[in-house]
Structure formats: structure tokens, C-alpha cells
Amino acid sequence: MPLKNIYILLILFVNLLFSGISLANTNDKIMKVAAFPKQNIQGEIAVNIIRAAYKGLGYDIKIHRLPGARSIVEVNRGELDAELMRIKGMEKSFPYLVPVKTHLMYMQVSAFSRAKNIEIQDWQDLKPFKLAFELGFKLLENNTKGMDVIKTNGPHHAFRIMAEGKADIVIDLKLDGQAYIKQQNLTGIHMIEPALKTFPVYHYVHIQHKKLVRFLEQALLNMHETGESARIHERIVNKSFSHQQ
């Protein structure tokens, strides 16, 4: 074979090789993020905040919606890259999760009931009642151990159980519970004040992506300090409630 042809083949091989590397790197820039099955208001806020944080690092995210109890197991196994949001300390039970220590956002949990005269100040006040909330919500599971609890597939199921008289109280994220009640035109349901809990949630990555943690922490910190996170929160809340009017 002439030397010129060998040279051309060599150039083609090198180009193909580098093309393959470039494609692999592109695929590596997509993070597979586990999230709860239903896209609710709080979840939409969290997705938009974490997407913006990753975007600043040159990454995109793909959301995989799974039941809460299953999603965190899959991330811990490395089948998915990250968990959208969880309470603090999940790495104690799932050792291959690495927390991003700058909080993603703050959330509130509230109790909802058809009875007007129920007073709830803390978790212990829930003991006399039959409770319903979504399976996999670790904060609720941890704080209602030993209580009369029905774990459901989502808020629609929980509120239906209460309507059927099988539960006295539904526990849900405050914004999501309010939005669901308005969306479904449910009547006779009251949100009990004050909120049961106001708490931060955190993003977690599988240990193979731990190099990203410090960059994500700084990105989120910058977003909180500049007000970008707050603007995302306000935009989505306003959009969600205006669509239901």
C-alpha cells in the first residue's frame, strides 16, 4: 500500500478515536437524578435549582422518577448518579451516597384534617390519630414510628383515604398539600397551623461523583446569596397556583 494511503488511514483512525472520546465525555456530562414519581411544586422547584447548579458546571440532568423507597437504593447501588433531595444524614444508612452540604432548599411539612378542632404543636401530638402519608418520605417515617400510619402511593391516595374516613390526618408538604386541595376542589379540609416542621433538604450524589460535591456546594451557595434560588421558587409557586384558578 502506498505510503500516502497509509497516512490517510492513520489520520482517519486518529479522528475516529478522538471522536469516540468526545462522545463519551458528552455522555458523562449527563447526570441521572432520581426523584419521587409525582412532579409536585416542591419537586419542580428542586429540579430547577439543581439543574441550574449543574448547568454552571457544564452538566445537564435527566430525571428518573421512582418510588421514594426504591430511588435511594438505586442511587446507593450506582445505578443512578444522584438523588434529587433528601433530609440530612441519609449517608448514615446509605454509605455510597455523598451529601452536598449546602442545602438545596427549605421545605415545610403540614398536617391536614377534616376536623376543625385538632391542635398539633409537634410530632407527639399526632399519636391519638390515624395518619396517612406517602411511602418513602423518610422524615415522616422517622417521626411517626409506632403510630397508626397508612403509607400511600401519593397525596391523591392519602386524601382519598381521609375522605373515606380511614384516616384522621394527612401529612404532606405544605405547598403541595395546598395545591392539591385547590386543584381537586376539595372542600372541608383544613391545614393545621403551625407547620409540623420546617427543614432543609440536600442533594446527594453517588460516591463515584464525589469530585463534583465541592463545586455543587459553591454553586448552590452562590445561587442562594444572589437570590437566584428565591426567584426560581417564587416563579414556580406563582405559576402553579395561577394555573389552578
C-alpha atoms as a PDB file:
ATOM      1  CA  MET A   1       0.000   0.000   0.000  1.00  0.00           C
ATOM      2  CA  PRO A   2       1.389   3.429  -0.917  1.00  0.00           C
ATOM      3  CA  LEU A   3       2.721   5.499   1.965  1.00  0.00           C
ATOM      4  CA  LYS A   4       0.213   8.273   1.170  1.00  0.00           C
ATOM      5  CA  ASN A   5      -2.728   5.885   1.657  1.00  0.00           C
ATOM      6  CA  ILE A   6      -1.293   4.621   4.942  1.00  0.00           C
ATOM      7  CA  TYR A   7      -1.004   8.236   6.127  1.00  0.00           C
ATOM      8  CA  ILE A   8      -4.647   8.952   5.198  1.00  0.00           C
ATOM      9  CA  LEU A   9      -5.832   5.819   7.008  1.00  0.00           C
ATOM     10  CA  LEU A  10      -3.844   6.806  10.081  1.00  0.00           C
ATOM     11  CA  ILE A  11      -5.450  10.276  10.099  1.00  0.00           C
ATOM     12  CA  LEU A  12      -8.921   8.734   9.768  1.00  0.00           C
ATOM     13  CA  PHE A  13      -8.213   6.335  12.647  1.00  0.00           C
ATOM     14  CA  VAL A  14      -7.000   9.146  14.922  1.00  0.00           C
ATOM     15  CA  ASN A  15     -10.048  11.280  14.086  1.00  0.00           C
ATOM     16  CA  LEU A  16     -12.354   8.360  14.804  1.00  0.00           C
ATOM     17  CA  LEU A  17     -10.591   7.670  18.088  1.00  0.00           C
ATOM     18  CA  PHE A  18     -10.914  11.259  19.295  1.00  0.00           C
ATOM     19  CA  SER A  19     -14.492  11.425  18.066  1.00  0.00           C
ATOM     20  CA  GLY A  20     -15.288   8.428  20.276  1.00  0.00           C
ATOM     21  CA  ILE A  21     -13.628  10.045  23.281  1.00  0.00           C
ATOM     22  CA  SER A  22     -15.549  13.250  22.733  1.00  0.00           C
ATOM     23  CA  LEU A  23     -18.840  11.364  22.559  1.00  0.00           C
ATOM     24  CA  ALA A  24     -18.042   9.505  25.766  1.00  0.00           C
ATOM     25  CA  ASN A  25     -17.278  12.765  27.529  1.00  0.00           C
ATOM     26  CA  THR A  26     -20.580  14.217  26.324  1.00  0.00           C
ATOM     27  CA  ASN A  27     -22.475  11.276  27.781  1.00  0.00           C
ATOM     28  CA  ASP A  28     -20.590  11.679  31.048  1.00  0.00           C
ATOM     29  CA  LYS A  29     -21.941  15.240  31.270  1.00  0.00           C
ATOM     30  CA  ILE A  30     -25.477  13.988  31.856  1.00  0.00           C
ATOM     31  CA  MET A  31     -26.322  13.156  35.457  1.00  0.00           C
ATOM     32  CA  LYS A  32     -29.132  10.642  36.010  1.00  0.00           C
ATOM     33  CA  VAL A  33     -31.017  12.046  39.004  1.00  0.00           C
ATOM     34  CA  ALA A  34     -33.607  10.070  40.973  1.00  0.00           C
ATOM     35  CA  ALA A  35     -36.772  11.851  42.096  1.00  0.00           C
ATOM     36  CA  PHE A  36     -40.186  10.951  43.503  1.00  0.00           C
ATOM     37  CA  PRO A  37     -42.741   9.784  40.919  1.00  0.00           C
ATOM     38  CA  LYS A  38     -45.096  12.768  41.032  1.00  0.00           C
ATOM     39  CA  GLN A  39     -43.911  16.144  39.786  1.00  0.00           C
ATOM     40  CA  ASN A  40     -45.201  18.398  42.570  1.00  0.00           C
ATOM     41  CA  ILE A  41     -44.457  22.038  43.320  1.00  0.00           C
ATOM     42  CA  GLN A  42     -41.596  21.361  45.720  1.00  0.00           C
ATOM     43  CA  GLY A  43     -40.119  18.827  43.320  1.00  0.00           C
ATOM     44  CA  GLU A  44     -40.306  21.239  40.400  1.00  0.00           C
ATOM     45  CA  ILE A  45     -38.537  23.914  42.438  1.00  0.00           C
ATOM     46  CA  ALA A  46     -35.812  21.449  43.433  1.00  0.00           C
ATOM     47  CA  VAL A  47     -35.328  20.216  39.853  1.00  0.00           C
ATOM     48  CA  ASN A  48     -34.953  23.757  38.530  1.00  0.00           C
ATOM     49  CA  ILE A  49     -32.493  24.770  41.250  1.00  0.00           C
ATOM     50  CA  ILE A  50     -30.271  21.704  40.880  1.00  0.00           C
ATOM     51  CA  ARG A  51     -30.432  21.889  37.073  1.00  0.00           C
ATOM     52  CA  ALA A  52     -29.142  25.469  37.239  1.00  0.00           C
ATOM     53  CA  ALA A  53     -26.356  24.411  39.620  1.00  0.00           C
ATOM     54  CA  TYR A  54     -25.217  21.593  37.325  1.00  0.00           C
ATOM     55  CA  LYS A  55     -25.516  23.806  34.250  1.00  0.00           C
ATOM     56  CA  GLY A  56     -22.916  26.136  35.730  1.00  0.00           C
ATOM     57  CA  LEU A  57     -20.553  23.146  35.897  1.00  0.00           C
ATOM     58  CA  GLY A  58     -21.237  22.124  32.300  1.00  0.00           C
ATOM     59  CA  TYR A  59     -23.612  19.275  33.161  1.00  0.00           C
ATOM     60  CA  ASP A  60     -27.208  18.513  32.294  1.00  0.00           C
ATOM     61  CA  ILE A  61     -29.553  16.296  34.301  1.00  0.00           C
ATOM     62  CA  LYS A  62     -32.061  13.619  33.368  1.00  0.00           C
ATOM     63  CA  ILE A  63     -34.779  12.949  35.941  1.00  0.00           C
ATOM     64  CA  HIS A  64     -35.729   9.325  36.704  1.00  0.00           C
ATOM     65  CA  ARG A  65     -38.996   9.175  38.640  1.00  0.00           C
ATOM     66  CA  LEU A  66     -39.174   6.262  41.062  1.00  0.00           C
ATOM     67  CA  PRO A  67     -40.934   5.459  44.347  1.00  0.00           C
ATOM     68  CA  GLY A  68     -39.016   7.078  47.195  1.00  0.00           C
ATOM     69  CA  ALA A  69     -38.025   3.821  48.864  1.00  0.00           C
ATOM     70  CA  ARG A  70     -36.624   2.455  45.598  1.00  0.00           C
ATOM     71  CA  SER A  71     -34.895   5.537  44.197  1.00  0.00           C
ATOM     72  CA  ILE A  72     -32.428   5.979  47.023  1.00  0.00           C
ATOM     73  CA  VAL A  73     -31.459   2.290  46.847  1.00  0.00           C
ATOM     74  CA  GLU A  74     -30.725   2.582  43.127  1.00  0.00           C
ATOM     75  CA  VAL A  75     -28.555   5.655  43.679  1.00  0.00           C
ATOM     76  CA  ASN A  76     -26.713   3.908  46.513  1.00  0.00           C
ATOM     77  CA  ARG A  77     -26.002   0.989  44.145  1.00  0.00           C
ATOM     78  CA  GLY A  78     -24.674   3.351  41.488  1.00  0.00           C
ATOM     79  CA  GLU A  79     -27.443   2.545  39.011  1.00  0.00           C
ATOM     80  CA  LEU A  80     -28.323   6.246  39.034  1.00  0.00           C
ATOM     81  CA  ASP A  81     -25.956   9.153  39.625  1.00  0.00           C
ATOM     82  CA  ALA A  82     -27.719  11.303  42.216  1.00  0.00           C
ATOM     83  CA  GLU A  83     -30.730  11.733  44.474  1.00  0.00           C
ATOM     84  CA  LEU A  84     -32.625  14.972  43.878  1.00  0.00           C
ATOM     85  CA  MET A  85     -33.363  15.854  47.503  1.00  0.00           C
ATOM     86  CA  ARG A  86     -33.422  14.154  50.871  1.00  0.00           C
ATOM     87  CA  ILE A  87     -33.179  15.128  54.504  1.00  0.00           C
ATOM     88  CA  LYS A  88     -29.819  15.443  56.239  1.00  0.00           C
ATOM     89  CA  GLY A  89     -27.958  12.308  57.274  1.00  0.00           C
ATOM     90  CA  MET A  90     -29.059   9.794  54.624  1.00  0.00           C
ATOM     91  CA  GLU A  91     -25.432   8.752  54.135  1.00  0.00           C
ATOM     92  CA  LYS A  92     -25.591   7.015  57.532  1.00  0.00           C
ATOM     93  CA  SER A  93     -27.985   4.439  56.115  1.00  0.00           C
ATOM     94  CA  PHE A  94     -26.725   4.535  52.521  1.00  0.00           C
ATOM     95  CA  PRO A  95     -22.915   4.626  52.655  1.00  0.00           C
ATOM     96  CA  TYR A  96     -22.367   5.204  48.927  1.00  0.00           C
ATOM     97  CA  LEU A  97     -24.281   8.480  48.992  1.00  0.00           C
ATOM     98  CA  VAL A  98     -22.273  11.683  49.388  1.00  0.00           C
ATOM     99  CA  PRO A  99     -24.204  14.765  50.576  1.00  0.00           C
ATOM    100  CA  VAL A 100     -23.855  18.184  49.005  1.00  0.00           C
ATOM    101  CA  LYS A 101     -23.689  20.087  52.275  1.00  0.00           C
ATOM    102  CA  THR A 102     -25.090  23.383  51.017  1.00  0.00           C
ATOM    103  CA  HIS A 103     -28.837  22.976  51.370  1.00  0.00           C
ATOM    104  CA  LEU A 104     -30.860  22.736  48.183  1.00  0.00           C
ATOM    105  CA  MET A 105     -33.952  24.447  49.622  1.00  0.00           C
ATOM    106  CA  TYR A 106     -36.159  24.681  52.708  1.00  0.00           C
ATOM    107  CA  MET A 107     -39.452  22.840  52.951  1.00  0.00           C
ATOM    108  CA  GLN A 108     -42.395  22.731  55.337  1.00  0.00           C
ATOM    109  CA  VAL A 109     -44.481  19.736  56.364  1.00  0.00           C
ATOM    110  CA  SER A 110     -48.077  20.323  57.462  1.00  0.00           C
ATOM    111  CA  ALA A 111     -50.991  18.278  58.764  1.00  0.00           C
ATOM    112  CA  PHE A 112     -54.362  18.417  57.013  1.00  0.00           C
ATOM    113  CA  SER A 113     -57.658  17.289  58.515  1.00  0.00           C
ATOM    114  CA  ARG A 114     -61.423  17.454  58.044  1.00  0.00           C
ATOM    115  CA  ALA A 115     -61.835  18.232  61.750  1.00  0.00           C
ATOM    116  CA  LYS A 116     -61.618  21.894  62.755  1.00  0.00           C
ATOM    117  CA  ASN A 117     -60.711  21.464  66.414  1.00  0.00           C
ATOM    118  CA  ILE A 118     -57.472  19.466  66.139  1.00  0.00           C
ATOM    119  CA  GLU A 119     -54.410  21.171  67.621  1.00  0.00           C
ATOM    120  CA  ILE A 120     -50.985  19.891  66.632  1.00  0.00           C
ATOM    121  CA  GLN A 121     -47.841  21.515  68.005  1.00  0.00           C
ATOM    122  CA  ASP A 122     -45.311  18.714  67.484  1.00  0.00           C
ATOM    123  CA  TRP A 123     -44.970  15.122  66.279  1.00  0.00           C
ATOM    124  CA  GLN A 124     -46.082  13.609  69.586  1.00  0.00           C
ATOM    125  CA  ASP A 125     -49.466  15.314  69.256  1.00  0.00           C
ATOM    126  CA  LEU A 126     -50.165  13.025  66.285  1.00  0.00           C
ATOM    127  CA  LYS A 127     -50.214   9.850  68.401  1.00  0.00           C
ATOM    128  CA  PRO A 128     -54.006   9.677  69.001  1.00  0.00           C
ATOM    129  CA  PHE A 129     -54.821   9.915  65.284  1.00  0.00           C
ATOM    130  CA  LYS A 130     -54.818   7.681  62.222  1.00  0.00           C
ATOM    131  CA  LEU A 131     -52.280   9.157  59.805  1.00  0.00           C
ATOM    132  CA  ALA A 132     -51.788   8.880  56.050  1.00  0.00           C
ATOM    133  CA  PHE A 133     -48.753   9.969  54.040  1.00  0.00           C
ATOM    134  CA  GLU A 134     -46.673   8.955  51.039  1.00  0.00           C
ATOM    135  CA  LEU A 135     -44.453   5.870  51.246  1.00  0.00           C
ATOM    136  CA  GLY A 136     -40.729   6.664  51.235  1.00  0.00           C
ATOM    137  CA  PHE A 137     -40.983  10.065  52.944  1.00  0.00           C
ATOM    138  CA  LYS A 138     -38.194   9.376  55.444  1.00  0.00           C
ATOM    139  CA  LEU A 139     -38.749  12.440  57.630  1.00  0.00           C
ATOM    140  CA  LEU A 140     -42.351  11.378  58.266  1.00  0.00           C
ATOM    141  CA  GLU A 141     -41.469   7.719  58.708  1.00  0.00           C
ATOM    142  CA  ASN A 142     -38.773   8.577  61.250  1.00  0.00           C
ATOM    143  CA  ASN A 143     -41.029  10.871  63.295  1.00  0.00           C
ATOM    144  CA  THR A 144     -44.153   8.692  63.352  1.00  0.00           C
ATOM    145  CA  LYS A 145     -42.639   5.356  64.378  1.00  0.00           C
ATOM    146  CA  GLY A 146     -45.064   3.373  66.498  1.00  0.00           C
ATOM    147  CA  MET A 147     -48.041   5.483  65.412  1.00  0.00           C
ATOM    148  CA  ASP A 148     -51.121   4.373  63.458  1.00  0.00           C
ATOM    149  CA  VAL A 149     -49.920   5.059  59.906  1.00  0.00           C
ATOM    150  CA  ILE A 150     -51.140   4.227  56.415  1.00  0.00           C
ATOM    151  CA  LYS A 151     -48.415   4.684  53.797  1.00  0.00           C
ATOM    152  CA  THR A 152     -49.818   5.596  50.412  1.00  0.00           C
ATOM    153  CA  ASN A 153     -48.796   5.871  46.759  1.00  0.00           C
ATOM    154  CA  GLY A 154     -49.127   9.652  46.821  1.00  0.00           C
ATOM    155  CA  PRO A 155     -51.206  12.579  48.093  1.00  0.00           C
ATOM    156  CA  HIS A 156     -54.215  11.632  45.943  1.00  0.00           C
ATOM    157  CA  HIS A 157     -54.358   8.283  47.717  1.00  0.00           C
ATOM    158  CA  ALA A 158     -53.804   9.827  51.166  1.00  0.00           C
ATOM    159  CA  PHE A 159     -56.545  12.429  50.786  1.00  0.00           C
ATOM    160  CA  ARG A 160     -58.937   9.790  49.407  1.00  0.00           C
ATOM    161  CA  ILE A 161     -58.305   7.594  52.440  1.00  0.00           C
ATOM    162  CA  MET A 162     -59.118  10.533  54.698  1.00  0.00           C
ATOM    163  CA  ALA A 163     -62.287  11.287  52.705  1.00  0.00           C
ATOM    164  CA  GLU A 164     -63.353   7.655  53.215  1.00  0.00           C
ATOM    165  CA  GLY A 165     -62.902   8.022  56.973  1.00  0.00           C
ATOM    166  CA  LYS A 166     -59.943   5.631  57.145  1.00  0.00           C
ATOM    167  CA  ALA A 167     -57.529   8.347  58.311  1.00  0.00           C
ATOM    168  CA  ASP A 168     -57.909  11.420  60.507  1.00  0.00           C
ATOM    169  CA  ILE A 169     -54.910  13.356  59.242  1.00  0.00           C
ATOM    170  CA  VAL A 170     -52.928  13.585  56.020  1.00  0.00           C
ATOM    171  CA  ILE A 171     -49.330  14.763  56.353  1.00  0.00           C
ATOM    172  CA  ASP A 172     -47.826  16.351  53.271  1.00  0.00           C
ATOM    173  CA  LEU A 173     -45.521  19.111  52.157  1.00  0.00           C
ATOM    174  CA  LYS A 174     -47.322  22.365  52.882  1.00  0.00           C
ATOM    175  CA  LEU A 175     -47.261  23.841  49.369  1.00  0.00           C
ATOM    176  CA  ASP A 176     -48.101  20.553  47.702  1.00  0.00           C
ATOM    177  CA  GLY A 177     -50.993  19.800  50.041  1.00  0.00           C
ATOM    178  CA  GLN A 178     -52.446  23.277  49.492  1.00  0.00           C
ATOM    179  CA  ALA A 179     -52.041  22.986  45.732  1.00  0.00           C
ATOM    180  CA  TYR A 180     -53.618  19.521  45.602  1.00  0.00           C
ATOM    181  CA  ILE A 181     -56.648  20.644  47.623  1.00  0.00           C
ATOM    182  CA  LYS A 182     -57.139  23.626  45.319  1.00  0.00           C
ATOM    183  CA  GLN A 183     -56.539  21.632  42.145  1.00  0.00           C
ATOM    184  CA  GLN A 184     -59.092  18.964  43.092  1.00  0.00           C
ATOM    185  CA  ASN A 185     -61.585  21.480  44.523  1.00  0.00           C
ATOM    186  CA  LEU A 186     -61.645  19.555  47.803  1.00  0.00           C
ATOM    187  CA  THR A 187     -63.870  21.102  50.441  1.00  0.00           C
ATOM    188  CA  GLY A 188     -63.955  20.767  54.211  1.00  0.00           C
ATOM    189  CA  ILE A 189     -60.205  20.133  54.560  1.00  0.00           C
ATOM    190  CA  HIS A 190     -58.216  22.382  56.869  1.00  0.00           C
ATOM    191  CA  MET A 191     -54.480  22.882  57.126  1.00  0.00           C
ATOM    192  CA  ILE A 192     -53.430  22.781  60.770  1.00  0.00           C
ATOM    193  CA  GLU A 193     -51.163  25.622  61.859  1.00  0.00           C
ATOM    194  CA  PRO A 194     -48.322  25.923  62.675  1.00  0.00           C
ATOM    195  CA  ALA A 195     -46.426  23.689  60.250  1.00  0.00           C
ATOM    196  CA  LEU A 196     -45.148  20.483  61.801  1.00  0.00           C
ATOM    197  CA  LYS A 197     -41.614  21.017  60.565  1.00  0.00           C
ATOM    198  CA  THR A 198     -39.531  23.483  58.585  1.00  0.00           C
ATOM    199  CA  PHE A 199     -36.358  21.825  57.385  1.00  0.00           C
ATOM    200  CA  PRO A 200     -33.612  21.939  54.754  1.00  0.00           C
ATOM    201  CA  VAL A 201     -33.199  19.246  52.114  1.00  0.00           C
ATOM    202  CA  TYR A 202     -29.955  18.254  50.426  1.00  0.00           C
ATOM    203  CA  HIS A 203     -28.804  16.860  47.111  1.00  0.00           C
ATOM    204  CA  TYR A 204     -26.835  13.589  47.191  1.00  0.00           C
ATOM    205  CA  VAL A 205     -24.504  12.087  44.600  1.00  0.00           C
ATOM    206  CA  HIS A 206     -23.178   8.561  44.283  1.00  0.00           C
ATOM    207  CA  ILE A 207     -19.629   8.269  45.587  1.00  0.00           C
ATOM    208  CA  GLN A 208     -18.248   7.900  42.043  1.00  0.00           C
ATOM    209  CA  HIS A 209     -19.202  11.563  41.508  1.00  0.00           C
ATOM    210  CA  LYS A 210     -17.805  12.913  44.788  1.00  0.00           C
ATOM    211  CA  LYS A 211     -15.397  15.185  42.862  1.00  0.00           C
ATOM    212  CA  LEU A 212     -18.431  17.306  41.952  1.00  0.00           C
ATOM    213  CA  VAL A 213     -19.541  17.884  45.526  1.00  0.00           C
ATOM    214  CA  ARG A 214     -17.442  20.937  46.414  1.00  0.00           C
ATOM    215  CA  PHE A 215     -18.341  22.600  43.107  1.00  0.00           C
ATOM    216  CA  LEU A 216     -22.046  21.949  43.634  1.00  0.00           C
ATOM    217  CA  GLU A 217     -21.799  23.294  47.185  1.00  0.00           C
ATOM    218  CA  GLN A 218     -20.295  26.535  45.904  1.00  0.00           C
ATOM    219  CA  ALA A 219     -22.764  26.780  43.010  1.00  0.00           C
ATOM    220  CA  LEU A 220     -25.752  26.423  45.351  1.00  0.00           C
ATOM    221  CA  LEU A 221     -24.261  28.883  47.825  1.00  0.00           C
ATOM    222  CA  ASN A 222     -23.863  31.434  45.037  1.00  0.00           C
ATOM    223  CA  MET A 223     -27.459  30.875  43.910  1.00  0.00           C
ATOM    224  CA  HIS A 224     -28.781  31.416  47.440  1.00  0.00           C
ATOM    225  CA  GLU A 225     -26.686  34.542  48.001  1.00  0.00           C
ATOM    226  CA  THR A 226     -27.612  36.167  44.676  1.00  0.00           C
ATOM    227  CA  GLY A 227     -31.309  35.387  45.115  1.00  0.00           C
ATOM    228  CA  GLU A 228     -31.465  33.092  42.084  1.00  0.00           C
ATOM    229  CA  SER A 229     -32.881  30.227  44.163  1.00  0.00           C
ATOM    230  CA  ALA A 230     -35.542  32.506  45.643  1.00  0.00           C
ATOM    231  CA  ARG A 231     -36.542  33.733  42.185  1.00  0.00           C
ATOM    232  CA  ILE A 232     -36.923  30.148  40.941  1.00  0.00           C
ATOM    233  CA  HIS A 233     -39.051  29.345  43.998  1.00  0.00           C
ATOM    234  CA  GLU A 234     -41.300  32.380  43.526  1.00  0.00           C
ATOM    235  CA  ARG A 235     -41.734  31.830  39.783  1.00  0.00           C
ATOM    236  CA  ILE A 236     -42.836  28.214  40.132  1.00  0.00           C
ATOM    237  CA  VAL A 237     -45.165  28.841  43.082  1.00  0.00           C
ATOM    238  CA  ASN A 238     -46.859  31.724  41.270  1.00  0.00           C
ATOM    239  CA  LYS A 239     -47.208  29.672  38.086  1.00  0.00           C
ATOM    240  CA  SER A 240     -48.575  26.628  39.912  1.00  0.00           C
ATOM    241  CA  PHE A 241     -51.281  28.478  41.829  1.00  0.00           C
ATOM    242  CA  SER A 242     -52.261  30.776  38.959  1.00  0.00           C
ATOM    243  CA  HIS A 243     -52.866  27.736  36.706  1.00  0.00           C
ATOM    244  CA  GLN A 244     -55.349  26.376  39.224  1.00  0.00           C
ATOM    245  CA  GLN A 245     -57.512  29.497  39.397  1.00  0.00           C
END
